[in-house]
Amino acid sequence: MFFRKKQSVRSVYDDKLICLLNQARADWFKNRDLLRLSFEQNNELEAQTKAAQAKYFFLFREAKKRQIRIKE
């Protein structure tokens, strides 16, 4: 209890970043597939897809900067 090794703050936030990265990737792919399957041009869906893509690439660059490796 007293001598437990605490998990470092960096590793806690690295784990959160990995979770956010996976969620952002799933959202981007979902929106991209919906955009491809739609018959009419939907500007709102197009904007959501571009925002999801930008969010994913931002998180990806942050993970690369922090040198995070995803272990599967």
PDB file of N, CA and C in Angstrom:
ATOM      1  N   MET A   1       0.820  -1.183   0.000  1.00  0.00           N
ATOM      2  CA  MET A   1       0.000   0.000   0.000  1.00  0.00           C
ATOM      3  C   MET A   1       0.868   1.253   0.000  1.00  0.00           C
ATOM      4  N   PHE A   2       1.855   1.312   0.889  1.00  0.00           N
ATOM      5  CA  PHE A   2       2.666   2.519   0.989  1.00  0.00           C
ATOM      6  C   PHE A   2       3.773   2.567  -0.056  1.00  0.00           C
ATOM      7  N   PHE A   3       4.252   1.409  -0.469  1.00  0.00           N
ATOM      8  CA  PHE A   3       5.397   1.373  -1.354  1.00  0.00           C
ATOM      9  C   PHE A   3       5.040   0.986  -2.779  1.00  0.00           C
ATOM     10  N   ARG A   4       3.779   1.191  -3.144  1.00  0.00           N
ATOM     11  CA  ARG A   4       3.371   0.926  -4.518  1.00  0.00           C
ATOM     12  C   ARG A   4       3.995   1.942  -5.447  1.00  0.00           C
ATOM     13  N   LYS A   5       4.412   1.475  -6.604  1.00  0.00           N
ATOM     14  CA  LYS A   5       4.966   2.377  -7.595  1.00  0.00           C
ATOM     15  C   LYS A   5       3.809   3.056  -8.326  1.00  0.00           C
ATOM     16  N   LYS A   6       3.789   4.365  -8.290  1.00  0.00           N
ATOM     17  CA  LYS A   6       2.721   5.113  -8.943  1.00  0.00           C
ATOM     18  C   LYS A   6       3.016   5.212 -10.433  1.00  0.00           C
ATOM     19  N   GLN A   7       1.956   5.185 -11.191  1.00  0.00           N
ATOM     20  CA  GLN A   7       2.095   5.339 -12.628  1.00  0.00           C
ATOM     21  C   GLN A   7       2.395   6.805 -12.923  1.00  0.00           C
ATOM     22  N   SER A   8       3.359   7.040 -13.784  1.00  0.00           N
ATOM     23  CA  SER A   8       3.752   8.417 -14.058  1.00  0.00           C
ATOM     24  C   SER A   8       2.626   9.161 -14.781  1.00  0.00           C
ATOM     25  N   VAL A   9       2.634  10.450 -14.621  1.00  0.00           N
ATOM     26  CA  VAL A   9       1.604  11.290 -15.229  1.00  0.00           C
ATOM     27  C   VAL A   9       1.681  11.200 -16.743  1.00  0.00           C
ATOM     28  N   ARG A  10       2.902  11.139 -17.268  1.00  0.00           N
ATOM     29  CA  ARG A  10       3.078  11.055 -18.713  1.00  0.00           C
ATOM     30  C   ARG A  10       2.441   9.787 -19.275  1.00  0.00           C
ATOM     31  N   SER A  11       2.629   8.667 -18.614  1.00  0.00           N
ATOM     32  CA  SER A  11       2.067   7.424 -19.137  1.00  0.00           C
ATOM     33  C   SER A  11       0.541   7.412 -19.039  1.00  0.00           C
ATOM     34  N   VAL A  12      -0.005   8.070 -18.025  1.00  0.00           N
ATOM     35  CA  VAL A  12      -1.466   8.160 -17.908  1.00  0.00           C
ATOM     36  C   VAL A  12      -2.028   8.952 -19.079  1.00  0.00           C
ATOM     37  N   TYR A  13      -1.407  10.083 -19.392  1.00  0.00           N
ATOM     38  CA  TYR A  13      -1.901  10.910 -20.497  1.00  0.00           C
ATOM     39  C   TYR A  13      -1.574  10.297 -21.850  1.00  0.00           C
ATOM     40  N   ASP A  14      -0.515   9.513 -21.934  1.00  0.00           N
ATOM     41  CA  ASP A  14      -0.242   8.789 -23.173  1.00  0.00           C
ATOM     42  C   ASP A  14      -1.351   7.775 -23.451  1.00  0.00           C
ATOM     43  N   ASP A  15      -1.804   7.094 -22.406  1.00  0.00           N
ATOM     44  CA  ASP A  15      -2.908   6.142 -22.572  1.00  0.00           C
ATOM     45  C   ASP A  15      -4.189   6.858 -23.004  1.00  0.00           C
ATOM     46  N   LYS A  16      -4.456   8.019 -22.413  1.00  0.00           N
ATOM     47  CA  LYS A  16      -5.637   8.790 -22.802  1.00  0.00           C
ATOM     48  C   LYS A  16      -5.525   9.254 -24.249  1.00  0.00           C
ATOM     49  N   LEU A  17      -4.313   9.644 -24.659  1.00  0.00           N
ATOM     50  CA  LEU A  17      -4.095  10.090 -26.037  1.00  0.00           C
ATOM     51  C   LEU A  17      -4.323   8.947 -27.013  1.00  0.00           C
ATOM     52  N   ILE A  18      -3.898   7.761 -26.666  1.00  0.00           N
ATOM     53  CA  ILE A  18      -4.121   6.601 -27.532  1.00  0.00           C
ATOM     54  C   ILE A  18      -5.612   6.315 -27.680  1.00  0.00           C
ATOM     55  N   CYS A  19      -6.348   6.420 -26.576  1.00  0.00           N
ATOM     56  CA  CYS A  19      -7.804   6.208 -26.635  1.00  0.00           C
ATOM     57  C   CYS A  19      -8.475   7.263 -27.510  1.00  0.00           C
ATOM     58  N   LEU A  20      -8.066   8.516 -27.331  1.00  0.00           N
ATOM     59  CA  LEU A  20      -8.624   9.592 -28.164  1.00  0.00           C
ATOM     60  C   LEU A  20      -8.276   9.398 -29.629  1.00  0.00           C
ATOM     61  N   LEU A  21      -7.069   8.946 -29.891  1.00  0.00           N
ATOM     62  CA  LEU A  21      -6.635   8.717 -31.264  1.00  0.00           C
ATOM     63  C   LEU A  21      -7.467   7.624 -31.918  1.00  0.00           C
ATOM     64  N   ASN A  22      -7.721   6.538 -31.202  1.00  0.00           N
ATOM     65  CA  ASN A  22      -8.550   5.457 -31.750  1.00  0.00           C
ATOM     66  C   ASN A  22      -9.986   5.916 -31.985  1.00  0.00           C
ATOM     67  N   GLN A  23     -10.529   6.705 -31.060  1.00  0.00           N
ATOM     68  CA  GLN A  23     -11.896   7.208 -31.209  1.00  0.00           C
ATOM     69  C   GLN A  23     -11.999   8.185 -32.386  1.00  0.00           C
ATOM     70  N   ALA A  24     -10.999   9.056 -32.528  1.00  0.00           N
ATOM     71  CA  ALA A  24     -11.004  10.022 -33.630  1.00  0.00           C
ATOM     72  C   ALA A  24     -10.898   9.311 -34.975  1.00  0.00           C
ATOM     73  N   ARG A  25     -10.101   8.259 -35.025  1.00  0.00           N
ATOM     74  CA  ARG A  25      -9.957   7.494 -36.265  1.00  0.00           C
ATOM     75  C   ARG A  25     -11.276   6.816 -36.631  1.00  0.00           C
ATOM     76  N   ALA A  26     -11.933   6.248 -35.645  1.00  0.00           N
ATOM     77  CA  ALA A  26     -13.219   5.586 -35.899  1.00  0.00           C
ATOM     78  C   ALA A  26     -14.266   6.590 -36.368  1.00  0.00           C
ATOM     79  N   ASP A  27     -14.313   7.773 -35.746  1.00  0.00           N
ATOM     80  CA  ASP A  27     -15.268   8.813 -36.159  1.00  0.00           C
ATOM     81  C   ASP A  27     -14.988   9.282 -37.576  1.00  0.00           C
ATOM     82  N   TRP A  28     -13.712   9.466 -37.903  1.00  0.00           N
ATOM     83  CA  TRP A  28     -13.343   9.927 -39.241  1.00  0.00           C
ATOM     84  C   TRP A  28     -13.748   8.897 -40.292  1.00  0.00           C
ATOM     85  N   PHE A  29     -13.452   7.617 -40.029  1.00  0.00           N
ATOM     86  CA  PHE A  29     -13.806   6.580 -40.995  1.00  0.00           C
ATOM     87  C   PHE A  29     -15.312   6.434 -41.137  1.00  0.00           C
ATOM     88  N   LYS A  30     -16.045   6.569 -40.024  1.00  0.00           N
ATOM     89  CA  LYS A  30     -17.503   6.467 -40.079  1.00  0.00           C
ATOM     90  C   LYS A  30     -18.076   7.593 -40.944  1.00  0.00           C
ATOM     91  N   ASN A  31     -17.625   8.823 -40.706  1.00  0.00           N
ATOM     92  CA  ASN A  31     -18.113   9.963 -41.492  1.00  0.00           C
ATOM     93  C   ASN A  31     -17.704   9.848 -42.953  1.00  0.00           C
ATOM     94  N   ARG A  32     -16.490   9.366 -43.197  1.00  0.00           N
ATOM     95  CA  ARG A  32     -16.017   9.215 -44.573  1.00  0.00           C
ATOM     96  C   ARG A  32     -16.861   8.195 -45.326  1.00  0.00           C
ATOM     97  N   ASP A  33     -17.183   7.082 -44.658  1.00  0.00           N
ATOM     98  CA  ASP A  33     -18.017   6.063 -45.305  1.00  0.00           C
ATOM     99  C   ASP A  33     -19.433   6.569 -45.551  1.00  0.00           C
ATOM    100  N   LEU A  34     -19.987   7.317 -44.594  1.00  0.00           N
ATOM    101  CA  LEU A  34     -21.320   7.892 -44.804  1.00  0.00           C
ATOM    102  C   LEU A  34     -21.321   8.867 -45.971  1.00  0.00           C
ATOM    103  N   LEU A  35     -20.254   9.642 -46.103  1.00  0.00           N
ATOM    104  CA  LEU A  35     -20.153  10.606 -47.205  1.00  0.00           C
ATOM    105  C   LEU A  35     -20.056   9.886 -48.546  1.00  0.00           C
ATOM    106  N   ARG A  36     -19.339   8.797 -48.577  1.00  0.00           N
ATOM    107  CA  ARG A  36     -19.213   8.027 -49.821  1.00  0.00           C
ATOM    108  C   ARG A  36     -20.525   7.356 -50.215  1.00  0.00           C
ATOM    109  N   LEU A  37     -21.313   6.952 -49.222  1.00  0.00           N
ATOM    110  CA  LEU A  37     -22.553   6.235 -49.507  1.00  0.00           C
ATOM    111  C   LEU A  37     -23.732   7.161 -49.790  1.00  0.00           C
ATOM    112  N   SER A  38     -23.602   8.441 -49.495  1.00  0.00           N
ATOM    113  CA  SER A  38     -24.733   9.349 -49.680  1.00  0.00           C
ATOM    114  C   SER A  38     -24.934   9.668 -51.162  1.00  0.00           C
ATOM    115  N   PHE A  39     -26.184   9.822 -51.527  1.00  0.00           N
ATOM    116  CA  PHE A  39     -26.523  10.109 -52.920  1.00  0.00           C
ATOM    117  C   PHE A  39     -26.443  11.597 -53.210  1.00  0.00           C
ATOM    118  N   GLU A  40     -26.887  12.401 -52.266  1.00  0.00           N
ATOM    119  CA  GLU A  40     -26.876  13.850 -52.453  1.00  0.00           C
ATOM    120  C   GLU A  40     -25.655  14.458 -51.768  1.00  0.00           C
ATOM    121  N   GLN A  41     -25.281  15.633 -52.213  1.00  0.00           N
ATOM    122  CA  GLN A  41     -24.179  16.327 -51.567  1.00  0.00           C
ATOM    123  C   GLN A  41     -24.693  16.932 -50.265  1.00  0.00           C
ATOM    124  N   ASN A  42     -24.046  16.594 -49.184  1.00  0.00           N
ATOM    125  CA  ASN A  42     -24.439  17.062 -47.868  1.00  0.00           C
ATOM    126  C   ASN A  42     -23.286  17.884 -47.295  1.00  0.00           C
ATOM    127  N   ASN A  43     -23.477  19.207 -47.268  1.00  0.00           N
ATOM    128  CA  ASN A  43     -22.398  20.089 -46.832  1.00  0.00           C
ATOM    129  C   ASN A  43     -22.070  19.917 -45.351  1.00  0.00           C
ATOM    130  N   GLU A  44     -23.078  19.653 -44.550  1.00  0.00           N
ATOM    131  CA  GLU A  44     -22.837  19.484 -43.118  1.00  0.00           C
ATOM    132  C   GLU A  44     -22.016  18.220 -42.846  1.00  0.00           C
ATOM    133  N   LEU A  45     -22.355  17.132 -43.533  1.00  0.00           N
ATOM    134  CA  LEU A  45     -21.610  15.886 -43.369  1.00  0.00           C
ATOM    135  C   LEU A  45     -20.183  16.040 -43.890  1.00  0.00           C
ATOM    136  N   GLU A  46     -20.032  16.784 -44.958  1.00  0.00           N
ATOM    137  CA  GLU A  46     -18.706  17.036 -45.509  1.00  0.00           C
ATOM    138  C   GLU A  46     -17.844  17.826 -44.519  1.00  0.00           C
ATOM    139  N   ALA A  47     -18.442  18.800 -43.865  1.00  0.00           N
ATOM    140  CA  ALA A  47     -17.723  19.598 -42.874  1.00  0.00           C
ATOM    141  C   ALA A  47     -17.365  18.746 -41.653  1.00  0.00           C
ATOM    142  N   GLN A  48     -18.279  17.878 -41.228  1.00  0.00           N
ATOM    143  CA  GLN A  48     -17.998  17.000 -40.098  1.00  0.00           C
ATOM    144  C   GLN A  48     -16.862  16.032 -40.427  1.00  0.00           C
ATOM    145  N   THR A  49     -16.833  15.552 -41.665  1.00  0.00           N
ATOM    146  CA  THR A  49     -15.773  14.635 -42.088  1.00  0.00           C
ATOM    147  C   THR A  49     -14.418  15.337 -42.078  1.00  0.00           C
ATOM    148  N   LYS A  50     -14.384  16.557 -42.589  1.00  0.00           N
ATOM    149  CA  LYS A  50     -13.123  17.304 -42.605  1.00  0.00           C
ATOM    150  C   LYS A  50     -12.667  17.650 -41.188  1.00  0.00           C
ATOM    151  N   ALA A  51     -13.599  17.951 -40.306  1.00  0.00           N
ATOM    152  CA  ALA A  51     -13.250  18.255 -38.909  1.00  0.00           C
ATOM    153  C   ALA A  51     -12.723  16.998 -38.214  1.00  0.00           C
ATOM    154  N   ALA A  52     -13.355  15.856 -38.473  1.00  0.00           N
ATOM    155  CA  ALA A  52     -12.901  14.605 -37.867  1.00  0.00           C
ATOM    156  C   ALA A  52     -11.515  14.225 -38.384  1.00  0.00           C
ATOM    157  N   GLN A  53     -11.275  14.471 -39.657  1.00  0.00           N
ATOM    158  CA  GLN A  53      -9.964  14.190 -40.240  1.00  0.00           C
ATOM    159  C   GLN A  53      -8.897  15.094 -39.629  1.00  0.00           C
ATOM    160  N   ALA A  54      -9.207  16.364 -39.482  1.00  0.00           N
ATOM    161  CA  ALA A  54      -8.260  17.306 -38.891  1.00  0.00           C
ATOM    162  C   ALA A  54      -7.955  16.941 -37.437  1.00  0.00           C
ATOM    163  N   LYS A  55      -8.980  16.535 -36.712  1.00  0.00           N
ATOM    164  CA  LYS A  55      -8.789  16.129 -35.314  1.00  0.00           C
ATOM    165  C   LYS A  55      -7.897  14.898 -35.234  1.00  0.00           C
ATOM    166  N   TYR A  56      -8.120  13.927 -36.114  1.00  0.00           N
ATOM    167  CA  TYR A  56      -7.308  12.716 -36.108  1.00  0.00           C
ATOM    168  C   TYR A  56      -5.851  13.043 -36.408  1.00  0.00           C
ATOM    169  N   PHE A  57      -5.611  13.844 -37.431  1.00  0.00           N
ATOM    170  CA  PHE A  57      -4.231  14.152 -37.791  1.00  0.00           C
ATOM    171  C   PHE A  57      -3.539  15.013 -36.739  1.00  0.00           C
ATOM    172  N   PHE A  58      -4.288  15.863 -36.045  1.00  0.00           N
ATOM    173  CA  PHE A  58      -3.709  16.626 -34.940  1.00  0.00           C
ATOM    174  C   PHE A  58      -3.261  15.683 -33.829  1.00  0.00           C
ATOM    175  N   LEU A  59      -4.129  14.744 -33.446  1.00  0.00           N
ATOM    176  CA  LEU A  59      -3.783  13.789 -32.402  1.00  0.00           C
ATOM    177  C   LEU A  59      -2.642  12.876 -32.846  1.00  0.00           C
ATOM    178  N   PHE A  60      -2.622  12.527 -34.128  1.00  0.00           N
ATOM    179  CA  PHE A  60      -1.567  11.683 -34.659  1.00  0.00           C
ATOM    180  C   PHE A  60      -0.217  12.393 -34.573  1.00  0.00           C
ATOM    181  N   ARG A  61      -0.180  13.675 -34.939  1.00  0.00           N
ATOM    182  CA  ARG A  61       1.061  14.443 -34.839  1.00  0.00           C
ATOM    183  C   ARG A  61       1.517  14.577 -33.392  1.00  0.00           C
ATOM    184  N   GLU A  62       0.566  14.753 -32.489  1.00  0.00           N
ATOM    185  CA  GLU A  62       0.909  14.853 -31.066  1.00  0.00           C
ATOM    186  C   GLU A  62       1.496  13.531 -30.562  1.00  0.00           C
ATOM    187  N   ALA A  63       0.923  12.416 -30.980  1.00  0.00           N
ATOM    188  CA  ALA A  63       1.449  11.115 -30.577  1.00  0.00           C
ATOM    189  C   ALA A  63       2.849  10.895 -31.155  1.00  0.00           C
ATOM    190  N   LYS A  64       3.049  11.337 -32.374  1.00  0.00           N
ATOM    191  CA  LYS A  64       4.361  11.203 -32.997  1.00  0.00           C
ATOM    192  C   LYS A  64       5.393  12.080 -32.289  1.00  0.00           C
ATOM    193  N   LYS A  65       4.985  13.270 -31.898  1.00  0.00           N
ATOM    194  CA  LYS A  65       5.878  14.173 -31.187  1.00  0.00           C
ATOM    195  C   LYS A  65       6.273  13.607 -29.828  1.00  0.00           C
ATOM    196  N   ARG A  66       5.320  12.945 -29.171  1.00  0.00           N
ATOM    197  CA  ARG A  66       5.583  12.354 -27.854  1.00  0.00           C
ATOM    198  C   ARG A  66       6.223  10.978 -27.945  1.00  0.00           C
ATOM    199  N   GLN A  67       6.423  10.484 -29.179  1.00  0.00           N
ATOM    200  CA  GLN A  67       7.055   9.187 -29.468  1.00  0.00           C
ATOM    201  C   GLN A  67       6.316   8.049 -28.769  1.00  0.00           C
ATOM    202  N   ILE A  68       5.009   8.011 -28.985  1.00  0.00           N
ATOM    203  CA  ILE A  68       4.166   6.976 -28.400  1.00  0.00           C
ATOM    204  C   ILE A  68       4.126   5.784 -29.356  1.00  0.00           C
ATOM    205  N   ARG A  69       4.303   4.619 -28.807  1.00  0.00           N
ATOM    206  CA  ARG A  69       4.183   3.377 -29.578  1.00  0.00           C
ATOM    207  C   ARG A  69       2.919   2.669 -29.113  1.00  0.00           C
ATOM    208  N   ILE A  70       2.095   2.256 -30.075  1.00  0.00           N
ATOM    209  CA  ILE A  70       0.871   1.537 -29.746  1.00  0.00           C
ATOM    210  C   ILE A  70       1.188   0.052 -29.768  1.00  0.00           C
ATOM    211  N   LYS A  71       0.979  -0.590 -28.636  1.00  0.00           N
ATOM    212  CA  LYS A  71       1.261  -2.029 -28.510  1.00  0.00           C
ATOM    213  C   LYS A  71      -0.046  -2.786 -28.679  1.00  0.00           C
ATOM    214  N   GLU A  72      -0.077  -3.654 -29.644  1.00  0.00           N
ATOM    215  CA  GLU A  72      -1.297  -4.434 -29.896  1.00  0.00           C
ATOM    216  C   GLU A  72      -1.070  -5.884 -29.598  1.00  0.00           C
TER     217      GLU A  72
END
